Amino acid sequence: MIPAGKKSFWTEDWLAVAIGLAIFFAGLIGLGRFDPFGWAVKTNVWTGATKIATPAGASWSQVPGWMALLLTFAFLGLVLAIGISRLGGRPRRFILSFTVVFFASYFCFAAGHNAFIAATPDQLKKFGISWSLNLTGEAGYIIALGLGLALGNFLPGLVELLSEAIRPELYIKIAIVLLGAGLGVKSADALGLASAVMFRGLCAIVEAYLIYWALVYFVARKFFGFSREWAAPLASGISICGVSAAIATGAAIRARPIVPIMVSSLVVIFAVVELLFLPFVAQHWLHHDPLVAGAWMGLAVKTDGAAVASGTIADSLIRAKALAMDGTVYQEGWVTLTATSVKVFIDIFIGIWSFILAVIWCSKIEKTGEKVRAREIWERFPKFVLGYALTFVVLLCVCVAYPGQLKAAKAMTGSIDTFRVLFFALTFFSIGAVSNFRKLREEGIGRLALVYVVCLFGFIVWIGLFISFVFFHGMKPPTG
């Protein structure tokens, strides 16, 4: 505990950086061909309960799934409890609360991986099923959000008991730090595989998001009367990278915690909506221009998992239609690669935009007439973005300088990614638990959703399609 009246160095931002980097640098041991986190639980798409959980690393395959789950719980509980003590929290109470929050979040996440919910069209044969909702495992986040909402609104006393472990912003900030590692490896891999796709993808996202952000902000302010506190995270959430961008923007402008939390909930819900229909629109209209379809998925769908899944579904659907229509056999994976590359650049944009907004808010929005000091910008800047940038740059440089390490880096980040997705599950359960329907109505959740609908389907989806066409029209995947 921190003595009364003594200011601690530790803040939620710095704690997220410390935990994220500790996991990341420990994971770097995996580049020496030993996977230190291979025992972490990986959640699979399943039809039988015994297939739900397995260890993330192949070298740990003999560890039972239930044991991997318990080891993951014990590791995260210990690390987080130590961190919570630095914030002045109560570690013992945290562990008791975290036990409930962790397993509730995990079982929701696992439920969302049921094959009838999560399997994409190219996986139906593998699981021996004839249909699926095609929602991918991200459906687990929706279930976790739903359970959290139910508890928060119908069992508020239980939520109060669990409050020490209901920390949505801490969980998402740690997840964002870990996200950088996977993006670094993907970027290094794509640099050698498809440089033209990468370059065009960079151009497309810069053009798209300079348009997107300004338009969403204008619509939210001008036509719906939202304050800057609401309009900025909403513009980032719809324009850049959904949940991560909304959280980073909220921190940069010092919005109240409820603001990025509400935006994040809408991001996940609408990403699932897009996932359900955009790939089929792409199949119908863009089967002669497959890479336009891939870029469109990356520009339009707002969460990493849903964007990549949309690209995967579009890849399968478009290749099937091209073969049926004119006998063209496109190589598998290029539509997915395009969607993933564009999404990677979008994610990289988070750190840059957070810094820009911190400067603008200090110098223009909340100006006091005095010269803005660098310290003010530093205090406002979301520190966890630095962790995200560091993990990205380290792995990008390692993989570019030592291409032979790429395979090991993929395995290493695969294990780390199991922690990232669990932190996301914890985030959405916690978001639901702290979201009281009455307060949400008072804050304008209905109008917020309406802005999202108007902006997403009114112009963002279509501007994204136009820009994808401008940069990728005429590019074809290899055939044969």
Protein backbone atom coordinates (compact mmCIF):
# COMPACT_ATOMS: atom_id res chain seq x y z
CA MET A 1 0.00 0.00 0.00
CA ILE A 2 1.12 3.57 -0.67
CA PRO A 3 1.41 5.70 2.49
CA ALA A 4 -1.22 8.43 2.80
CA GLY A 5 -0.13 11.71 1.27
CA LYS A 6 2.74 10.17 -0.68
CA LYS A 7 2.48 10.40 -4.45
CA SER A 8 3.44 7.22 -6.28
CA PHE A 9 5.28 7.08 -9.60
CA TRP A 10 2.90 4.33 -10.64
CA THR A 11 -0.15 5.14 -12.71
CA GLU A 12 -2.40 2.82 -14.66
CA ASP A 13 -0.56 3.79 -17.87
CA TRP A 14 2.89 3.03 -16.48
CA LEU A 15 1.67 -0.20 -14.91
CA ALA A 16 0.29 -1.32 -18.28
CA VAL A 17 3.66 -0.53 -19.89
CA ALA A 18 5.55 -2.41 -17.16
CA ILE A 19 3.39 -5.54 -17.31
CA GLY A 20 3.21 -5.56 -21.10
CA LEU A 21 6.97 -5.12 -21.53
CA ALA A 22 7.75 -7.68 -18.81
CA ILE A 23 5.70 -10.29 -20.70
CA PHE A 24 7.21 -9.20 -24.02
CA PHE A 25 10.88 -9.30 -22.97
CA ALA A 26 10.39 -12.60 -21.14
CA GLY A 27 8.86 -13.90 -24.36
CA LEU A 28 11.97 -12.87 -26.34
CA ILE A 29 13.62 -15.94 -24.88
CA GLY A 30 11.46 -17.72 -27.47
CA LEU A 31 13.79 -16.45 -30.20
CA GLY A 32 16.33 -18.88 -28.78
CA ARG A 33 13.98 -21.72 -29.76
CA PHE A 34 12.63 -22.17 -26.21
CA ASP A 35 9.08 -20.92 -25.78
CA PRO A 36 8.73 -19.67 -22.19
CA PHE A 37 4.98 -19.05 -22.56
CA GLY A 38 4.12 -22.13 -24.58
CA TRP A 39 2.08 -23.37 -21.64
CA ALA A 40 -0.35 -20.40 -21.93
CA VAL A 41 -3.87 -21.41 -22.84
CA LYS A 42 -4.90 -21.13 -26.48
CA THR A 43 -8.63 -21.15 -27.20
CA ASN A 44 -9.65 -23.04 -30.33
CA VAL A 45 -12.78 -23.23 -32.46
CA TRP A 46 -14.45 -26.39 -31.20
CA THR A 47 -17.28 -28.86 -31.51
CA GLY A 48 -16.28 -31.00 -28.52
CA ALA A 49 -15.45 -29.55 -25.09
CA THR A 50 -12.11 -31.39 -24.92
CA LYS A 51 -10.86 -29.38 -27.91
CA ILE A 52 -11.53 -25.93 -26.45
CA ALA A 53 -8.24 -25.29 -24.65
CA THR A 54 -4.72 -26.35 -25.61
CA PRO A 55 -1.24 -25.00 -24.83
CA ALA A 56 -0.13 -22.27 -27.24
CA GLY A 57 3.28 -23.79 -27.95
CA ALA A 58 3.85 -27.03 -29.85
CA SER A 59 6.66 -27.99 -27.47
CA TRP A 60 4.14 -27.95 -24.60
CA SER A 61 1.55 -30.10 -26.37
CA GLN A 62 1.60 -32.76 -23.63
CA VAL A 63 0.19 -30.30 -21.10
CA PRO A 64 -3.60 -30.81 -20.74
CA GLY A 65 -5.82 -27.90 -21.73
CA TRP A 66 -7.25 -27.51 -18.22
CA MET A 67 -3.73 -27.31 -16.81
CA ALA A 68 -2.78 -24.63 -19.35
CA LEU A 69 -5.85 -22.66 -18.28
CA LEU A 70 -4.94 -22.90 -14.58
CA LEU A 71 -1.32 -21.95 -15.24
CA THR A 72 -2.45 -18.93 -17.25
CA PHE A 73 -4.83 -17.86 -14.49
CA ALA A 74 -2.13 -18.23 -11.81
CA PHE A 75 0.44 -16.30 -13.87
CA LEU A 76 -1.84 -13.40 -14.76
CA GLY A 77 -3.30 -13.26 -11.25
CA LEU A 78 0.14 -13.03 -9.65
CA VAL A 79 1.50 -10.43 -12.09
CA LEU A 80 -1.62 -8.27 -11.85
CA ALA A 81 -1.82 -8.54 -8.04
CA ILE A 82 1.75 -7.26 -7.74
CA GLY A 83 0.87 -4.42 -10.09
CA ILE A 84 -2.33 -3.55 -8.24
CA SER A 85 -0.34 -3.22 -5.02
CA ARG A 86 1.78 -0.55 -6.76
CA LEU A 87 -1.41 1.39 -7.46
CA GLY A 88 -2.39 1.25 -3.80
CA GLY A 89 -4.91 -1.56 -4.27
CA ARG A 90 -5.46 -4.61 -2.07
CA PRO A 91 -3.75 -7.68 -3.61
CA ARG A 92 -5.60 -10.27 -1.53
CA ARG A 93 -8.99 -8.85 -2.41
CA PHE A 94 -7.88 -8.49 -6.02
CA ILE A 95 -6.98 -12.19 -6.28
CA LEU A 96 -10.36 -13.25 -4.89
CA SER A 97 -12.20 -10.95 -7.28
CA PHE A 98 -9.95 -11.78 -10.22
CA THR A 99 -10.71 -15.48 -9.85
CA VAL A 100 -14.37 -14.81 -10.63
CA VAL A 101 -13.70 -12.20 -13.31
CA PHE A 102 -11.08 -14.34 -15.09
CA PHE A 103 -13.08 -17.54 -15.30
CA ALA A 104 -16.33 -15.75 -16.18
CA SER A 105 -14.52 -13.91 -18.98
CA TYR A 106 -12.75 -17.03 -20.20
CA PHE A 107 -15.84 -19.22 -20.36
CA CYS A 108 -17.64 -16.50 -22.35
CA PHE A 109 -14.67 -16.27 -24.68
CA ALA A 110 -14.61 -20.06 -25.06
CA ALA A 111 -18.36 -20.19 -25.71
CA GLY A 112 -17.88 -17.75 -28.58
CA HIS A 113 -15.45 -20.23 -30.18
CA ASN A 114 -18.09 -22.91 -30.69
CA ALA A 115 -17.88 -23.97 -34.35
CA PHE A 116 -21.55 -23.20 -35.04
CA ILE A 117 -20.84 -19.62 -33.93
CA ALA A 118 -17.23 -19.03 -34.95
CA ALA A 119 -16.32 -21.22 -37.94
CA THR A 120 -15.73 -19.35 -41.21
CA PRO A 121 -16.91 -20.86 -44.53
CA ASP A 122 -13.51 -22.40 -45.29
CA GLN A 123 -13.61 -24.26 -41.94
CA LEU A 124 -17.04 -25.94 -42.17
CA LYS A 125 -15.70 -29.13 -43.74
CA LYS A 126 -12.95 -29.36 -41.11
CA PHE A 127 -15.52 -29.39 -38.31
CA GLY A 128 -18.03 -31.59 -40.13
CA ILE A 129 -20.82 -29.00 -40.00
CA SER A 130 -23.00 -27.57 -42.77
CA TRP A 131 -23.58 -24.06 -41.39
CA SER A 132 -22.17 -21.50 -39.01
CA LEU A 133 -22.85 -17.89 -38.00
CA ASN A 134 -19.33 -17.09 -39.32
CA LEU A 135 -18.62 -14.74 -36.41
CA THR A 136 -15.08 -15.99 -35.60
CA GLY A 137 -13.91 -16.32 -32.00
CA GLU A 138 -14.47 -12.60 -31.48
CA ALA A 139 -18.07 -13.54 -30.76
CA GLY A 140 -16.67 -14.44 -27.34
CA TYR A 141 -16.09 -10.76 -26.66
CA ILE A 142 -19.76 -10.06 -27.34
CA ILE A 143 -20.81 -12.83 -24.95
CA ALA A 144 -18.43 -11.50 -22.28
CA LEU A 145 -19.84 -8.01 -22.77
CA GLY A 146 -23.39 -9.37 -22.49
CA LEU A 147 -22.68 -11.27 -19.27
CA GLY A 148 -20.98 -8.21 -17.79
CA LEU A 149 -23.99 -6.05 -18.69
CA ALA A 150 -26.36 -8.54 -17.08
CA LEU A 151 -24.37 -8.59 -13.84
CA GLY A 152 -23.84 -4.83 -13.80
CA ASN A 153 -27.54 -4.10 -14.20
CA PHE A 154 -29.21 -6.95 -12.33
CA LEU A 155 -26.61 -7.91 -9.70
CA PRO A 156 -24.86 -4.62 -8.86
CA GLY A 157 -24.01 -5.89 -5.38
CA LEU A 158 -21.92 -8.71 -6.87
CA VAL A 159 -20.17 -6.27 -9.18
CA GLU A 160 -19.32 -4.10 -6.18
CA LEU A 161 -17.73 -7.12 -4.48
CA LEU A 162 -15.67 -7.78 -7.60
CA SER A 163 -14.75 -4.14 -8.16
CA GLU A 164 -11.05 -4.59 -7.29
CA ALA A 165 -10.63 -6.76 -10.40
CA ILE A 166 -13.01 -4.93 -12.73
CA ARG A 167 -10.48 -2.67 -14.44
CA PRO A 168 -11.31 -2.39 -18.15
CA GLU A 169 -8.82 0.36 -18.96
CA LEU A 170 -5.87 -1.42 -17.35
CA TYR A 171 -6.63 -4.65 -19.20
CA ILE A 172 -7.02 -2.99 -22.61
CA LYS A 173 -3.86 -0.92 -22.17
CA ILE A 174 -1.80 -4.06 -21.44
CA ALA A 175 -3.39 -5.71 -24.49
CA ILE A 176 -2.37 -2.75 -26.67
CA VAL A 177 1.26 -2.99 -25.51
CA LEU A 178 1.27 -6.69 -26.44
CA LEU A 179 -0.43 -5.96 -29.76
CA GLY A 180 2.70 -4.19 -31.01
CA ALA A 181 4.74 -7.41 -30.94
CA GLY A 182 2.46 -9.27 -33.32
CA LEU A 183 2.27 -6.28 -35.66
CA GLY A 184 6.07 -6.06 -35.80
CA VAL A 185 6.35 -9.66 -36.98
CA LYS A 186 3.51 -9.29 -39.50
CA SER A 187 5.08 -6.16 -40.92
CA ALA A 188 8.49 -7.81 -41.29
CA ASP A 189 6.91 -10.83 -42.95
CA ALA A 190 4.93 -8.75 -45.42
CA LEU A 191 7.92 -6.54 -46.30
CA GLY A 192 9.51 -9.42 -48.13
CA LEU A 193 6.30 -11.01 -49.38
CA ALA A 194 4.31 -8.22 -50.96
CA SER A 195 6.04 -4.84 -50.94
CA ALA A 196 3.64 -3.38 -53.51
CA VAL A 197 0.65 -4.30 -51.37
CA MET A 198 2.33 -2.80 -48.31
CA PHE A 199 3.17 0.49 -50.06
CA ARG A 200 -0.29 0.92 -51.55
CA GLY A 201 -1.83 -0.03 -48.21
CA LEU A 202 0.16 2.72 -46.47
CA CYS A 203 -0.99 5.31 -49.00
CA ALA A 204 -4.59 4.13 -48.71
CA ILE A 205 -4.81 4.37 -44.92
CA VAL A 206 -3.19 7.81 -44.74
CA GLU A 207 -5.66 9.17 -47.27
CA ALA A 208 -8.64 7.34 -45.80
CA TYR A 209 -8.16 8.33 -42.19
CA LEU A 210 -7.40 11.96 -42.80
CA ILE A 211 -10.86 11.99 -44.40
CA TYR A 212 -12.61 9.62 -41.97
CA TRP A 213 -11.60 11.23 -38.70
CA ALA A 214 -12.51 14.76 -39.71
CA LEU A 215 -15.90 13.71 -41.13
CA VAL A 216 -16.94 11.65 -38.09
CA TYR A 217 -15.84 14.39 -35.69
CA PHE A 218 -17.78 16.99 -37.71
CA VAL A 219 -20.96 14.88 -37.88
CA ALA A 220 -20.86 14.08 -34.14
CA ARG A 221 -20.35 17.73 -33.20
CA LYS A 222 -22.47 19.52 -35.81
CA PHE A 223 -25.50 17.28 -36.28
CA PHE A 224 -25.69 15.33 -33.00
CA GLY A 225 -24.41 17.95 -30.56
CA PHE A 226 -21.75 15.82 -28.87
CA SER A 227 -19.00 17.53 -26.92
CA ARG A 228 -15.36 17.25 -27.97
CA GLU A 229 -14.88 14.71 -25.16
CA TRP A 230 -17.30 12.36 -26.96
CA ALA A 231 -16.64 13.28 -30.58
CA ALA A 232 -12.86 12.65 -30.56
CA PRO A 233 -12.86 9.05 -29.19
CA LEU A 234 -15.84 8.25 -31.40
CA ALA A 235 -14.02 9.58 -34.48
CA SER A 236 -10.91 7.55 -33.61
CA GLY A 237 -12.92 4.42 -32.82
CA ILE A 238 -14.74 4.49 -36.15
CA SER A 239 -11.80 5.80 -38.18
CA ILE A 240 -8.61 4.18 -36.95
CA CYS A 241 -8.60 0.95 -35.01
CA GLY A 242 -11.74 0.58 -32.98
CA VAL A 243 -11.17 -0.27 -29.35
CA SER A 244 -7.45 0.50 -29.16
CA ALA A 245 -7.79 3.88 -30.85
CA ALA A 246 -10.78 4.90 -28.72
CA ILE A 247 -8.89 4.08 -25.50
CA ALA A 248 -5.71 5.86 -26.66
CA THR A 249 -7.65 8.94 -27.76
CA GLY A 250 -9.61 9.05 -24.51
CA ALA A 251 -6.33 9.06 -22.61
CA ALA A 252 -4.78 11.74 -24.84
CA ILE A 253 -7.67 14.18 -24.32
CA ARG A 254 -8.34 13.10 -20.71
CA ALA A 255 -11.90 12.00 -21.34
CA ARG A 256 -13.87 10.38 -18.53
CA PRO A 257 -13.46 6.57 -18.46
CA ILE A 258 -17.07 5.97 -19.54
CA VAL A 259 -16.44 7.66 -22.91
CA PRO A 260 -13.95 5.21 -24.52
CA ILE A 261 -15.71 2.32 -22.76
CA MET A 262 -19.03 3.07 -24.47
CA VAL A 263 -17.34 3.64 -27.84
CA SER A 264 -15.44 0.35 -27.47
CA SER A 265 -18.67 -1.58 -26.89
CA LEU A 266 -20.16 -0.17 -30.09
CA VAL A 267 -16.99 -0.92 -32.06
CA VAL A 268 -17.12 -4.64 -31.30
CA ILE A 269 -20.86 -4.94 -31.95
CA PHE A 270 -20.67 -3.18 -35.32
CA ALA A 271 -17.52 -5.08 -36.35
CA VAL A 272 -19.55 -8.28 -36.06
CA VAL A 273 -22.33 -6.71 -38.16
CA GLU A 274 -19.82 -5.81 -40.88
CA LEU A 275 -18.26 -9.27 -40.74
CA LEU A 276 -21.64 -10.82 -41.49
CA PHE A 277 -22.31 -9.03 -44.76
CA LEU A 278 -19.31 -7.15 -46.26
CA PRO A 279 -17.48 -10.28 -47.53
CA PHE A 280 -20.61 -11.34 -49.42
CA VAL A 281 -20.98 -7.87 -50.94
CA ALA A 282 -17.33 -8.13 -52.01
CA GLN A 283 -17.93 -11.56 -53.54
CA HIS A 284 -20.84 -10.26 -55.62
CA TRP A 285 -19.28 -7.01 -56.88
CA LEU A 286 -15.50 -7.42 -56.61
CA HIS A 287 -14.69 -10.96 -57.73
CA HIS A 288 -12.85 -9.47 -60.75
CA ASP A 289 -10.82 -7.20 -58.43
CA PRO A 290 -9.83 -9.40 -55.46
CA LEU A 291 -7.22 -7.12 -53.89
CA VAL A 292 -9.66 -4.20 -53.89
CA ALA A 293 -11.91 -6.44 -51.79
CA GLY A 294 -9.06 -7.26 -49.40
CA ALA A 295 -8.12 -3.61 -48.90
CA TRP A 296 -11.79 -2.76 -48.36
CA MET A 297 -12.07 -5.31 -45.54
CA GLY A 298 -9.00 -3.81 -43.87
CA LEU A 299 -10.25 -0.23 -44.20
CA ALA A 300 -13.88 -0.82 -43.24
CA VAL A 301 -13.92 -3.43 -40.45
CA LYS A 302 -12.82 -1.96 -37.14
CA THR A 303 -11.28 -4.72 -35.01
CA ASP A 304 -8.17 -6.73 -35.85
CA GLY A 305 -9.76 -10.15 -35.60
CA ALA A 306 -12.90 -9.19 -37.52
CA ALA A 307 -10.91 -7.41 -40.25
CA VAL A 308 -8.59 -10.37 -40.84
CA ALA A 309 -11.52 -12.77 -40.63
CA SER A 310 -13.44 -10.67 -43.17
CA GLY A 311 -10.43 -10.84 -45.46
CA THR A 312 -10.25 -14.61 -45.01
CA ILE A 313 -13.94 -15.09 -45.77
CA ALA A 314 -13.74 -12.76 -48.79
CA ASP A 315 -10.65 -14.66 -49.99
CA SER A 316 -12.54 -17.94 -49.95
CA LEU A 317 -15.75 -16.55 -51.47
CA ILE A 318 -14.05 -14.59 -54.26
CA ARG A 319 -11.76 -17.45 -55.29
CA ALA A 320 -14.79 -19.76 -55.48
CA LYS A 321 -16.77 -17.30 -57.61
CA ALA A 322 -13.84 -16.51 -59.93
CA LEU A 323 -13.39 -20.22 -60.55
CA ALA A 324 -17.11 -20.75 -61.18
CA MET A 325 -17.56 -17.66 -63.39
CA ASP A 326 -14.52 -17.76 -65.69
CA GLY A 327 -12.31 -20.62 -64.57
CA THR A 328 -9.69 -18.37 -62.94
CA VAL A 329 -7.78 -20.07 -60.14
CA TYR A 330 -6.38 -17.40 -57.82
CA GLN A 331 -3.77 -18.42 -55.28
CA GLU A 332 -5.12 -18.62 -51.76
CA GLY A 333 -4.28 -15.98 -49.18
CA TRP A 334 -3.67 -12.81 -51.19
CA VAL A 335 -6.98 -11.19 -50.32
CA THR A 336 -6.32 -12.01 -46.67
CA LEU A 337 -2.78 -10.64 -46.94
CA THR A 338 -4.06 -7.35 -48.37
CA ALA A 339 -6.67 -6.97 -45.62
CA THR A 340 -4.09 -7.78 -42.94
CA SER A 341 -1.45 -5.41 -44.36
CA VAL A 342 -3.88 -2.49 -44.51
CA LYS A 343 -5.07 -3.25 -40.96
CA VAL A 344 -1.48 -3.38 -39.68
CA PHE A 345 -0.84 0.14 -40.99
CA ILE A 346 -4.07 1.32 -39.40
CA ASP A 347 -2.92 -0.06 -36.05
CA ILE A 348 0.48 1.59 -36.37
CA PHE A 349 -1.34 4.88 -36.88
CA ILE A 350 -2.68 4.76 -33.27
CA GLY A 351 0.53 6.01 -31.67
CA ILE A 352 1.02 8.81 -34.18
CA TRP A 353 -2.55 10.03 -33.84
CA SER A 354 -2.45 9.91 -30.02
CA PHE A 355 0.54 12.24 -30.02
CA ILE A 356 -1.09 14.61 -32.52
CA LEU A 357 -4.28 14.80 -30.45
CA ALA A 358 -2.35 15.37 -27.21
CA VAL A 359 -0.61 18.36 -28.83
CA ILE A 360 -3.82 19.75 -30.33
CA TRP A 361 -5.77 19.45 -27.07
CA CYS A 362 -3.02 21.18 -25.09
CA SER A 363 -2.31 23.96 -27.57
CA LYS A 364 -5.69 24.64 -29.17
CA ILE A 365 -8.66 23.07 -27.39
CA GLU A 366 -7.77 23.71 -23.74
CA LYS A 367 -5.37 26.60 -24.20
CA THR A 368 -5.03 29.01 -21.27
CA GLY A 369 -3.27 31.80 -23.13
CA GLU A 370 0.12 30.67 -21.87
CA LYS A 371 2.74 28.89 -23.93
CA VAL A 372 2.16 25.15 -23.94
CA ARG A 373 4.99 23.39 -22.16
CA ALA A 374 6.42 20.10 -23.37
CA ARG A 375 5.71 18.69 -19.89
CA GLU A 376 1.98 19.27 -20.34
CA ILE A 377 1.98 17.32 -23.60
CA TRP A 378 4.02 14.56 -21.96
CA GLU A 379 1.65 14.30 -19.01
CA ARG A 380 -1.32 14.04 -21.35
CA PHE A 381 0.25 11.58 -23.78
CA PRO A 382 -0.96 7.98 -23.16
CA LYS A 383 2.20 6.24 -21.94
CA PHE A 384 1.02 2.76 -22.82
CA VAL A 385 1.34 3.76 -26.50
CA LEU A 386 5.11 3.94 -25.90
CA GLY A 387 5.08 0.29 -24.86
CA TYR A 388 3.08 -0.56 -27.96
CA ALA A 389 5.58 1.30 -30.16
CA LEU A 390 8.58 -0.33 -28.47
CA THR A 391 7.34 -3.91 -28.87
CA PHE A 392 6.52 -3.18 -32.51
CA VAL A 393 9.90 -1.62 -33.35
CA VAL A 394 11.99 -4.23 -31.52
CA LEU A 395 10.45 -7.19 -33.31
CA LEU A 396 10.31 -5.44 -36.67
CA CYS A 397 14.04 -4.62 -36.46
CA VAL A 398 14.98 -8.09 -35.25
CA CYS A 399 13.03 -9.84 -38.00
CA VAL A 400 14.26 -7.52 -40.77
CA ALA A 401 17.91 -7.74 -39.61
CA TYR A 402 17.77 -11.50 -39.00
CA PRO A 403 15.25 -13.07 -41.41
CA GLY A 404 16.12 -16.51 -40.08
CA GLN A 405 14.43 -15.55 -36.80
CA LEU A 406 11.06 -14.89 -38.45
CA LYS A 407 9.66 -18.36 -37.84
CA ALA A 408 10.73 -18.31 -34.18
CA ALA A 409 9.31 -14.78 -33.81
CA LYS A 410 5.94 -15.94 -35.15
CA ALA A 411 5.84 -18.75 -32.60
CA MET A 412 6.91 -16.41 -29.80
CA THR A 413 4.28 -13.79 -30.62
CA GLY A 414 1.69 -16.54 -31.01
CA SER A 415 2.19 -17.43 -27.35
CA ILE A 416 2.15 -13.78 -26.26
CA ASP A 417 -1.00 -13.25 -28.29
CA THR A 418 -2.86 -15.72 -26.06
CA PHE A 419 -2.40 -13.20 -23.23
CA ARG A 420 -3.52 -10.33 -25.47
CA VAL A 421 -6.83 -11.96 -26.41
CA LEU A 422 -7.49 -12.86 -22.77
CA PHE A 423 -6.90 -9.26 -21.74
CA PHE A 424 -9.44 -8.27 -24.40
CA ALA A 425 -11.94 -10.76 -22.96
CA LEU A 426 -11.34 -9.36 -19.46
CA THR A 427 -11.81 -5.87 -20.90
CA PHE A 428 -15.22 -6.56 -22.39
CA PHE A 429 -16.55 -8.40 -19.37
CA SER A 430 -15.40 -5.45 -17.24
CA ILE A 431 -16.88 -2.91 -19.65
CA GLY A 432 -20.24 -4.63 -19.34
CA ALA A 433 -20.00 -4.81 -15.56
CA VAL A 434 -19.42 -1.06 -15.18
CA SER A 435 -22.05 -0.08 -17.77
CA ASN A 436 -25.31 0.76 -16.07
CA PHE A 437 -28.18 1.03 -18.59
CA ARG A 438 -29.70 4.02 -16.82
CA LYS A 439 -26.38 5.90 -16.86
CA LEU A 440 -25.75 4.89 -20.45
CA ARG A 441 -29.11 6.35 -21.48
CA GLU A 442 -28.29 9.54 -19.58
CA GLU A 443 -24.94 9.78 -21.36
CA GLY A 444 -26.63 9.29 -24.75
CA ILE A 445 -25.79 5.71 -25.81
CA GLY A 446 -28.70 5.79 -28.28
CA ARG A 447 -27.44 8.91 -30.03
CA LEU A 448 -23.91 7.52 -29.96
CA ALA A 449 -25.05 4.37 -31.74
CA LEU A 450 -26.94 6.48 -34.26
CA VAL A 451 -23.79 8.48 -35.05
CA TYR A 452 -21.96 5.20 -35.53
CA VAL A 453 -24.60 3.89 -37.93
CA VAL A 454 -24.81 7.12 -39.92
CA CYS A 455 -21.03 7.49 -40.26
CA LEU A 456 -20.13 3.84 -40.82
CA PHE A 457 -22.79 3.00 -43.37
CA GLY A 458 -23.35 6.52 -44.64
CA PHE A 459 -19.82 7.22 -45.86
CA ILE A 460 -16.97 5.28 -44.17
CA VAL A 461 -17.71 1.95 -45.82
CA TRP A 462 -18.11 3.62 -49.22
CA ILE A 463 -15.13 5.96 -48.97
CA GLY A 464 -13.08 2.93 -47.97
CA LEU A 465 -14.32 1.10 -51.07
CA PHE A 466 -13.46 4.06 -53.31
CA ILE A 467 -9.95 4.43 -51.88
CA SER A 468 -9.38 0.67 -52.13
CA PHE A 469 -10.37 0.89 -55.80
CA VAL A 470 -8.03 3.83 -56.42
CA PHE A 471 -4.98 2.08 -54.97
CA PHE A 472 -5.63 -1.59 -55.77
CA HIS A 473 -7.68 -1.65 -58.95
CA GLY A 474 -6.04 -3.87 -61.54
CA MET A 475 -3.78 -5.71 -59.06
CA LYS A 476 -4.44 -9.44 -59.26
CA PRO A 477 -3.30 -12.33 -57.06
CA PRO A 478 -1.06 -14.90 -58.76
CA THR A 479 -2.96 -17.68 -60.51
CA GLY A 480 -2.46 -21.41 -60.57
